[in-house]
């Protein structure tokens, strides 16, 4: 069984700036990438510690960098 999520279509329902949408799409794609690799998963299909840390790091990169950029404008 498989299904396809079109995150960009879902995000159109919300009042977001284009950069926010792009970051959310990147985050979704990165999360899918992590879940596609069995080495990143526990027996119960949760992310292992290293993968969770990488995901947190990616979230900071995507969203904190935007906050800094907005402060500079």
PDB file of N, CA and C in Angstrom:
ATOM      1  N   UNK A   1       0.846  -1.179   0.000  1.00  0.00           N
ATOM      2  CA  UNK A   1       0.000   0.000   0.000  1.00  0.00           C
ATOM      3  C   UNK A   1       0.893   1.244   0.000  1.00  0.00           C
ATOM      4  N   UNK A   2       0.601   2.180  -0.853  1.00  0.00           N
ATOM      5  CA  UNK A   2       1.360   3.423  -0.867  1.00  0.00           C
ATOM      6  C   UNK A   2       0.403   4.585  -1.142  1.00  0.00           C
ATOM      7  N   UNK A   3       0.844   5.731  -0.786  1.00  0.00           N
ATOM      8  CA  UNK A   3       0.059   6.929  -1.054  1.00  0.00           C
ATOM      9  C   UNK A   3       1.014   8.071  -1.310  1.00  0.00           C
ATOM     10  N   UNK A   4       0.508   9.070  -1.972  1.00  0.00           N
ATOM     11  CA  UNK A   4       1.340  10.210  -2.318  1.00  0.00           C
ATOM     12  C   UNK A   4       0.759  11.452  -1.658  1.00  0.00           C
ATOM     13  N   UNK A   5       1.603  12.162  -0.962  1.00  0.00           N
ATOM     14  CA  UNK A   5       1.186  13.407  -0.328  1.00  0.00           C
ATOM     15  C   UNK A   5       1.772  14.553  -1.132  1.00  0.00           C
ATOM     16  N   UNK A   6       0.927  15.428  -1.567  1.00  0.00           N
ATOM     17  CA  UNK A   6       1.406  16.611  -2.281  1.00  0.00           C
ATOM     18  C   UNK A   6       1.395  17.766  -1.299  1.00  0.00           C
ATOM     19  N   UNK A   7       2.521  17.909  -0.635  1.00  0.00           N
ATOM     20  CA  UNK A   7       2.646  18.900   0.433  1.00  0.00           C
ATOM     21  C   UNK A   7       2.401  20.307  -0.089  1.00  0.00           C
ATOM     22  N   UNK A   8       2.828  20.589  -1.303  1.00  0.00           N
ATOM     23  CA  UNK A   8       2.647  21.938  -1.840  1.00  0.00           C
ATOM     24  C   UNK A   8       1.166  22.282  -1.970  1.00  0.00           C
ATOM     25  N   UNK A   9       0.348  21.304  -2.326  1.00  0.00           N
ATOM     26  CA  UNK A   9      -1.094  21.542  -2.410  1.00  0.00           C
ATOM     27  C   UNK A   9      -1.697  21.770  -1.033  1.00  0.00           C
ATOM     28  N   UNK A  10      -1.231  21.032  -0.060  1.00  0.00           N
ATOM     29  CA  UNK A  10      -1.731  21.214   1.305  1.00  0.00           C
ATOM     30  C   UNK A  10      -1.373  22.593   1.845  1.00  0.00           C
ATOM     31  N   UNK A  11      -0.181  23.050   1.540  1.00  0.00           N
ATOM     32  CA  UNK A  11       0.277  24.338   2.058  1.00  0.00           C
ATOM     33  C   UNK A  11      -0.454  25.522   1.439  1.00  0.00           C
ATOM     34  N   UNK A  12      -1.049  25.319   0.283  1.00  0.00           N
ATOM     35  CA  UNK A  12      -1.802  26.396  -0.370  1.00  0.00           C
ATOM     36  C   UNK A  12      -3.016  26.815   0.470  1.00  0.00           C
ATOM     37  N   UNK A  13      -3.449  25.950   1.347  1.00  0.00           N
ATOM     38  CA  UNK A  13      -4.618  26.238   2.189  1.00  0.00           C
ATOM     39  C   UNK A  13      -4.296  27.222   3.307  1.00  0.00           C
ATOM     40  N   UNK A  14      -3.016  27.505   3.503  1.00  0.00           N
ATOM     41  CA  UNK A  14      -2.592  28.363   4.603  1.00  0.00           C
ATOM     42  C   UNK A  14      -1.990  29.654   4.066  1.00  0.00           C
ATOM     43  N   UNK A  15      -2.112  30.671   4.857  1.00  0.00           N
ATOM     44  CA  UNK A  15      -1.568  31.974   4.490  1.00  0.00           C
ATOM     45  C   UNK A  15      -0.098  32.033   4.913  1.00  0.00           C
ATOM     46  N   UNK A  16       0.766  31.571   4.015  1.00  0.00           N
ATOM     47  CA  UNK A  16       2.195  31.509   4.300  1.00  0.00           C
ATOM     48  C   UNK A  16       2.965  32.272   3.235  1.00  0.00           C
ATOM     49  N   UNK A  17       4.091  32.803   3.626  1.00  0.00           N
ATOM     50  CA  UNK A  17       4.979  33.422   2.652  1.00  0.00           C
ATOM     51  C   UNK A  17       5.620  32.321   1.811  1.00  0.00           C
ATOM     52  N   UNK A  18       6.055  32.694   0.626  1.00  0.00           N
ATOM     53  CA  UNK A  18       6.647  31.717  -0.281  1.00  0.00           C
ATOM     54  C   UNK A  18       7.870  31.041   0.331  1.00  0.00           C
ATOM     55  N   UNK A  19       8.692  31.801   1.039  1.00  0.00           N
ATOM     56  CA  UNK A  19       9.885  31.209   1.669  1.00  0.00           C
ATOM     57  C   UNK A  19       9.504  30.200   2.748  1.00  0.00           C
ATOM     58  N   UNK A  20       8.424  30.464   3.469  1.00  0.00           N
ATOM     59  CA  UNK A  20       7.958  29.515   4.482  1.00  0.00           C
ATOM     60  C   UNK A  20       7.480  28.219   3.828  1.00  0.00           C
ATOM     61  N   UNK A  21       6.751  28.347   2.740  1.00  0.00           N
ATOM     62  CA  UNK A  21       6.285  27.159   2.015  1.00  0.00           C
ATOM     63  C   UNK A  21       7.467  26.337   1.514  1.00  0.00           C
ATOM     64  N   UNK A  22       8.443  27.018   0.938  1.00  0.00           N
ATOM     65  CA  UNK A  22       9.622  26.319   0.422  1.00  0.00           C
ATOM     66  C   UNK A  22      10.363  25.584   1.536  1.00  0.00           C
ATOM     67  N   UNK A  23      10.501  26.218   2.679  1.00  0.00           N
ATOM     68  CA  UNK A  23      11.177  25.575   3.807  1.00  0.00           C
ATOM     69  C   UNK A  23      10.390  24.369   4.318  1.00  0.00           C
ATOM     70  N   UNK A  24       9.093  24.487   4.373  1.00  0.00           N
ATOM     71  CA  UNK A  24       8.276  23.364   4.823  1.00  0.00           C
ATOM     72  C   UNK A  24       8.348  22.202   3.839  1.00  0.00           C
ATOM     73  N   UNK A  25       8.384  22.504   2.566  1.00  0.00           N
ATOM     74  CA  UNK A  25       8.526  21.450   1.555  1.00  0.00           C
ATOM     75  C   UNK A  25       9.885  20.772   1.700  1.00  0.00           C
ATOM     76  N   UNK A  26      10.936  21.556   1.880  1.00  0.00           N
ATOM     77  CA  UNK A  26      12.281  20.985   2.076  1.00  0.00           C
ATOM     78  C   UNK A  26      12.320  20.100   3.321  1.00  0.00           C
ATOM     79  N   UNK A  27      11.689  20.566   4.382  1.00  0.00           N
ATOM     80  CA  UNK A  27      11.663  19.790   5.617  1.00  0.00           C
ATOM     81  C   UNK A  27      10.908  18.476   5.418  1.00  0.00           C
ATOM     82  N   UNK A  28       9.796  18.533   4.733  1.00  0.00           N
ATOM     83  CA  UNK A  28       9.018  17.330   4.451  1.00  0.00           C
ATOM     84  C   UNK A  28       9.850  16.340   3.627  1.00  0.00           C
ATOM     85  N   UNK A  29      10.513  16.839   2.591  1.00  0.00           N
ATOM     86  CA  UNK A  29      11.337  15.969   1.745  1.00  0.00           C
ATOM     87  C   UNK A  29      12.495  15.362   2.527  1.00  0.00           C
ATOM     88  N   UNK A  30      13.111  16.146   3.399  1.00  0.00           N
ATOM     89  CA  UNK A  30      14.219  15.626   4.206  1.00  0.00           C
ATOM     90  C   UNK A  30      13.718  14.559   5.184  1.00  0.00           C
ATOM     91  N   UNK A  31      12.574  14.789   5.761  1.00  0.00           N
ATOM     92  CA  UNK A  31      11.991  13.802   6.678  1.00  0.00           C
ATOM     93  C   UNK A  31      11.702  12.499   5.938  1.00  0.00           C
ATOM     94  N   UNK A  32      11.155  12.602   4.736  1.00  0.00           N
ATOM     95  CA  UNK A  32      10.928  11.402   3.923  1.00  0.00           C
ATOM     96  C   UNK A  32      12.235  10.682   3.637  1.00  0.00           C
ATOM     97  N   UNK A  33      13.273  11.450   3.324  1.00  0.00           N
ATOM     98  CA  UNK A  33      14.590  10.874   3.069  1.00  0.00           C
ATOM     99  C   UNK A  33      15.066  10.076   4.281  1.00  0.00           C
ATOM    100  N   UNK A  34      14.916  10.643   5.471  1.00  0.00           N
ATOM    101  CA  UNK A  34      15.349   9.941   6.684  1.00  0.00           C
ATOM    102  C   UNK A  34      14.552   8.654   6.896  1.00  0.00           C
ATOM    103  N   UNK A  35      13.244   8.711   6.681  1.00  0.00           N
ATOM    104  CA  UNK A  35      12.408   7.533   6.894  1.00  0.00           C
ATOM    105  C   UNK A  35      12.608   6.462   5.819  1.00  0.00           C
ATOM    106  N   UNK A  36      13.086   6.846   4.655  1.00  0.00           N
ATOM    107  CA  UNK A  36      13.308   5.868   3.588  1.00  0.00           C
ATOM    108  C   UNK A  36      14.517   4.978   3.852  1.00  0.00           C
ATOM    109  N   UNK A  37      15.433   5.408   4.695  1.00  0.00           N
ATOM    110  CA  UNK A  37      16.637   4.637   4.992  1.00  0.00           C
ATOM    111  C   UNK A  37      16.404   3.809   6.259  1.00  0.00           C
ATOM    112  N   UNK A  38      16.390   2.497   6.117  1.00  0.00           N
ATOM    113  CA  UNK A  38      16.123   1.612   7.255  1.00  0.00           C
ATOM    114  C   UNK A  38      17.133   1.785   8.382  1.00  0.00           C
ATOM    115  N   UNK A  39      18.332   2.239   8.066  1.00  0.00           N
ATOM    116  CA  UNK A  39      19.340   2.459   9.096  1.00  0.00           C
ATOM    117  C   UNK A  39      18.966   3.600  10.036  1.00  0.00           C
ATOM    118  N   UNK A  40      18.031   4.434   9.626  1.00  0.00           N
ATOM    119  CA  UNK A  40      17.581   5.549  10.462  1.00  0.00           C
ATOM    120  C   UNK A  40      16.403   5.193  11.348  1.00  0.00           C
ATOM    121  N   UNK A  41      15.936   3.948  11.273  1.00  0.00           N
ATOM    122  CA  UNK A  41      14.709   3.564  11.970  1.00  0.00           C
ATOM    123  C   UNK A  41      14.962   2.508  13.043  1.00  0.00           C
ATOM    124  N   UNK A  42      14.184   2.621  14.119  1.00  0.00           N
ATOM    125  CA  UNK A  42      14.181   1.585  15.144  1.00  0.00           C
ATOM    126  C   UNK A  42      13.260   0.454  14.689  1.00  0.00           C
ATOM    127  N   UNK A  43      13.158  -0.579  15.472  1.00  0.00           N
ATOM    128  CA  UNK A  43      12.262  -1.699  15.148  1.00  0.00           C
ATOM    129  C   UNK A  43      10.799  -1.264  15.116  1.00  0.00           C
ATOM    130  N   UNK A  44      10.492  -0.200  15.838  1.00  0.00           N
ATOM    131  CA  UNK A  44       9.115   0.303  15.857  1.00  0.00           C
ATOM    132  C   UNK A  44       8.915   1.464  14.890  1.00  0.00           C
ATOM    133  N   UNK A  45       9.851   1.636  13.979  1.00  0.00           N
ATOM    134  CA  UNK A  45       9.788   2.633  12.906  1.00  0.00           C
ATOM    135  C   UNK A  45       9.838   4.082  13.391  1.00  0.00           C
ATOM    136  N   UNK A  46      10.490   4.296  14.504  1.00  0.00           N
ATOM    137  CA  UNK A  46      10.802   5.651  14.945  1.00  0.00           C
ATOM    138  C   UNK A  46      12.213   5.978  14.484  1.00  0.00           C
ATOM    139  N   UNK A  47      12.520   7.257  14.423  1.00  0.00           N
ATOM    140  CA  UNK A  47      13.872   7.645  14.035  1.00  0.00           C
ATOM    141  C   UNK A  47      14.858   7.347  15.161  1.00  0.00           C
ATOM    142  N   UNK A  48      16.022   6.836  14.795  1.00  0.00           N
ATOM    143  CA  UNK A  48      17.078   6.620  15.780  1.00  0.00           C
ATOM    144  C   UNK A  48      17.613   7.981  16.208  1.00  0.00           C
ATOM    145  N   UNK A  49      18.371   7.973  17.293  1.00  0.00           N
ATOM    146  CA  UNK A  49      18.845   9.227  17.885  1.00  0.00           C
ATOM    147  C   UNK A  49      19.575  10.113  16.884  1.00  0.00           C
ATOM    148  N   UNK A  50      20.501   9.563  16.120  1.00  0.00           N
ATOM    149  CA  UNK A  50      21.285  10.356  15.169  1.00  0.00           C
ATOM    150  C   UNK A  50      20.381  10.990  14.103  1.00  0.00           C
ATOM    151  N   UNK A  51      19.410  10.252  13.619  1.00  0.00           N
ATOM    152  CA  UNK A  51      18.487  10.784  12.612  1.00  0.00           C
ATOM    153  C   UNK A  51      17.626  11.898  13.205  1.00  0.00           C
ATOM    154  N   UNK A  52      17.176  11.726  14.449  1.00  0.00           N
ATOM    155  CA  UNK A  52      16.398  12.791  15.122  1.00  0.00           C
ATOM    156  C   UNK A  52      17.238  14.047  15.282  1.00  0.00           C
ATOM    157  N   UNK A  53      18.508  13.868  15.659  1.00  0.00           N
ATOM    158  CA  UNK A  53      19.404  15.018  15.792  1.00  0.00           C
ATOM    159  C   UNK A  53      19.588  15.724  14.454  1.00  0.00           C
ATOM    160  N   UNK A  54      19.747  14.946  13.388  1.00  0.00           N
ATOM    161  CA  UNK A  54      19.888  15.535  12.055  1.00  0.00           C
ATOM    162  C   UNK A  54      18.629  16.294  11.652  1.00  0.00           C
ATOM    163  N   UNK A  55      17.476  15.766  11.983  1.00  0.00           N
ATOM    164  CA  UNK A  55      16.219  16.437  11.677  1.00  0.00           C
ATOM    165  C   UNK A  55      16.107  17.747  12.452  1.00  0.00           C
ATOM    166  N   UNK A  56      16.450  17.727  13.724  1.00  0.00           N
ATOM    167  CA  UNK A  56      16.428  18.962  14.526  1.00  0.00           C
ATOM    168  C   UNK A  56      17.388  20.013  13.957  1.00  0.00           C
ATOM    169  N   UNK A  57      18.563  19.550  13.533  1.00  0.00           N
ATOM    170  CA  UNK A  57      19.546  20.458  12.953  1.00  0.00           C
ATOM    171  C   UNK A  57      18.993  21.087  11.669  1.00  0.00           C
ATOM    172  N   UNK A  58      18.334  20.284  10.846  1.00  0.00           N
ATOM    173  CA  UNK A  58      17.761  20.792   9.597  1.00  0.00           C
ATOM    174  C   UNK A  58      16.650  21.807   9.883  1.00  0.00           C
ATOM    175  N   UNK A  59      15.844  21.549  10.893  1.00  0.00           N
ATOM    176  CA  UNK A  59      14.788  22.493  11.262  1.00  0.00           C
ATOM    177  C   UNK A  59      15.395  23.825  11.667  1.00  0.00           C
ATOM    178  N   UNK A  60      16.431  23.778  12.487  1.00  0.00           N
ATOM    179  CA  UNK A  60      17.103  25.021  12.886  1.00  0.00           C
ATOM    180  C   UNK A  60      17.672  25.756  11.687  1.00  0.00           C
ATOM    181  N   UNK A  61      18.326  25.026  10.799  1.00  0.00           N
ATOM    182  CA  UNK A  61      18.913  25.646   9.612  1.00  0.00           C
ATOM    183  C   UNK A  61      17.860  26.350   8.772  1.00  0.00           C
ATOM    184  N   UNK A  62      16.744  25.687   8.564  1.00  0.00           N
ATOM    185  CA  UNK A  62      15.713  26.231   7.685  1.00  0.00           C
ATOM    186  C   UNK A  62      14.971  27.415   8.303  1.00  0.00           C
ATOM    187  N   UNK A  63      14.641  27.303   9.574  1.00  0.00           N
ATOM    188  CA  UNK A  63      13.752  28.296  10.152  1.00  0.00           C
ATOM    189  C   UNK A  63      14.463  29.374  10.956  1.00  0.00           C
ATOM    190  N   UNK A  64      15.544  29.050  11.609  1.00  0.00           N
ATOM    191  CA  UNK A  64      16.272  30.087  12.341  1.00  0.00           C
ATOM    192  C   UNK A  64      17.017  31.009  11.394  1.00  0.00           C
ATOM    193  N   UNK A  65      17.478  30.492  10.273  1.00  0.00           N
ATOM    194  CA  UNK A  65      18.157  31.362   9.318  1.00  0.00           C
ATOM    195  C   UNK A  65      17.185  32.388   8.756  1.00  0.00           C
ATOM    196  N   UNK A  66      15.926  32.024   8.584  1.00  0.00           N
ATOM    197  CA  UNK A  66      14.915  32.984   8.122  1.00  0.00           C
ATOM    198  C   UNK A  66      14.680  34.074   9.156  1.00  0.00           C
ATOM    199  N   UNK A  67      14.683  33.707  10.423  1.00  0.00           N
ATOM    200  CA  UNK A  67      14.469  34.706  11.471  1.00  0.00           C
ATOM    201  C   UNK A  67      15.612  35.713  11.485  1.00  0.00           C
ATOM    202  N   UNK A  68      16.814  35.234  11.310  1.00  0.00           N
ATOM    203  CA  UNK A  68      17.980  36.119  11.283  1.00  0.00           C
ATOM    204  C   UNK A  68      17.902  37.052  10.075  1.00  0.00           C
ATOM    205  N   UNK A  69      17.538  36.522   8.926  1.00  0.00           N
ATOM    206  CA  UNK A  69      17.423  37.316   7.708  1.00  0.00           C
ATOM    207  C   UNK A  69      16.345  38.393   7.873  1.00  0.00           C
ATOM    208  N   UNK A  70      15.239  38.045   8.491  1.00  0.00           N
ATOM    209  CA  UNK A  70      14.177  39.025   8.693  1.00  0.00           C
ATOM    210  C   UNK A  70      14.623  40.154   9.617  1.00  0.00           C
ATOM    211  N   UNK A  71      15.437  39.837  10.600  1.00  0.00           N
ATOM    212  CA  UNK A  71      15.942  40.857  11.525  1.00  0.00           C
ATOM    213  C   UNK A  71      16.886  41.826  10.805  1.00  0.00           C
ATOM    214  N   UNK A  72      17.572  41.336   9.780  1.00  0.00           N
ATOM    215  CA  UNK A  72      18.523  42.185   9.063  1.00  0.00           C
ATOM    216  C   UNK A  72      17.835  43.156   8.099  1.00  0.00           C
ATOM    217  N   UNK A  73      16.618  42.837   7.732  1.00  0.00           N
ATOM    218  CA  UNK A  73      15.894  43.683   6.763  1.00  0.00           C
ATOM    219  C   UNK A  73      15.294  44.881   7.442  1.00  0.00           C
TER     220      UNK A  73
END
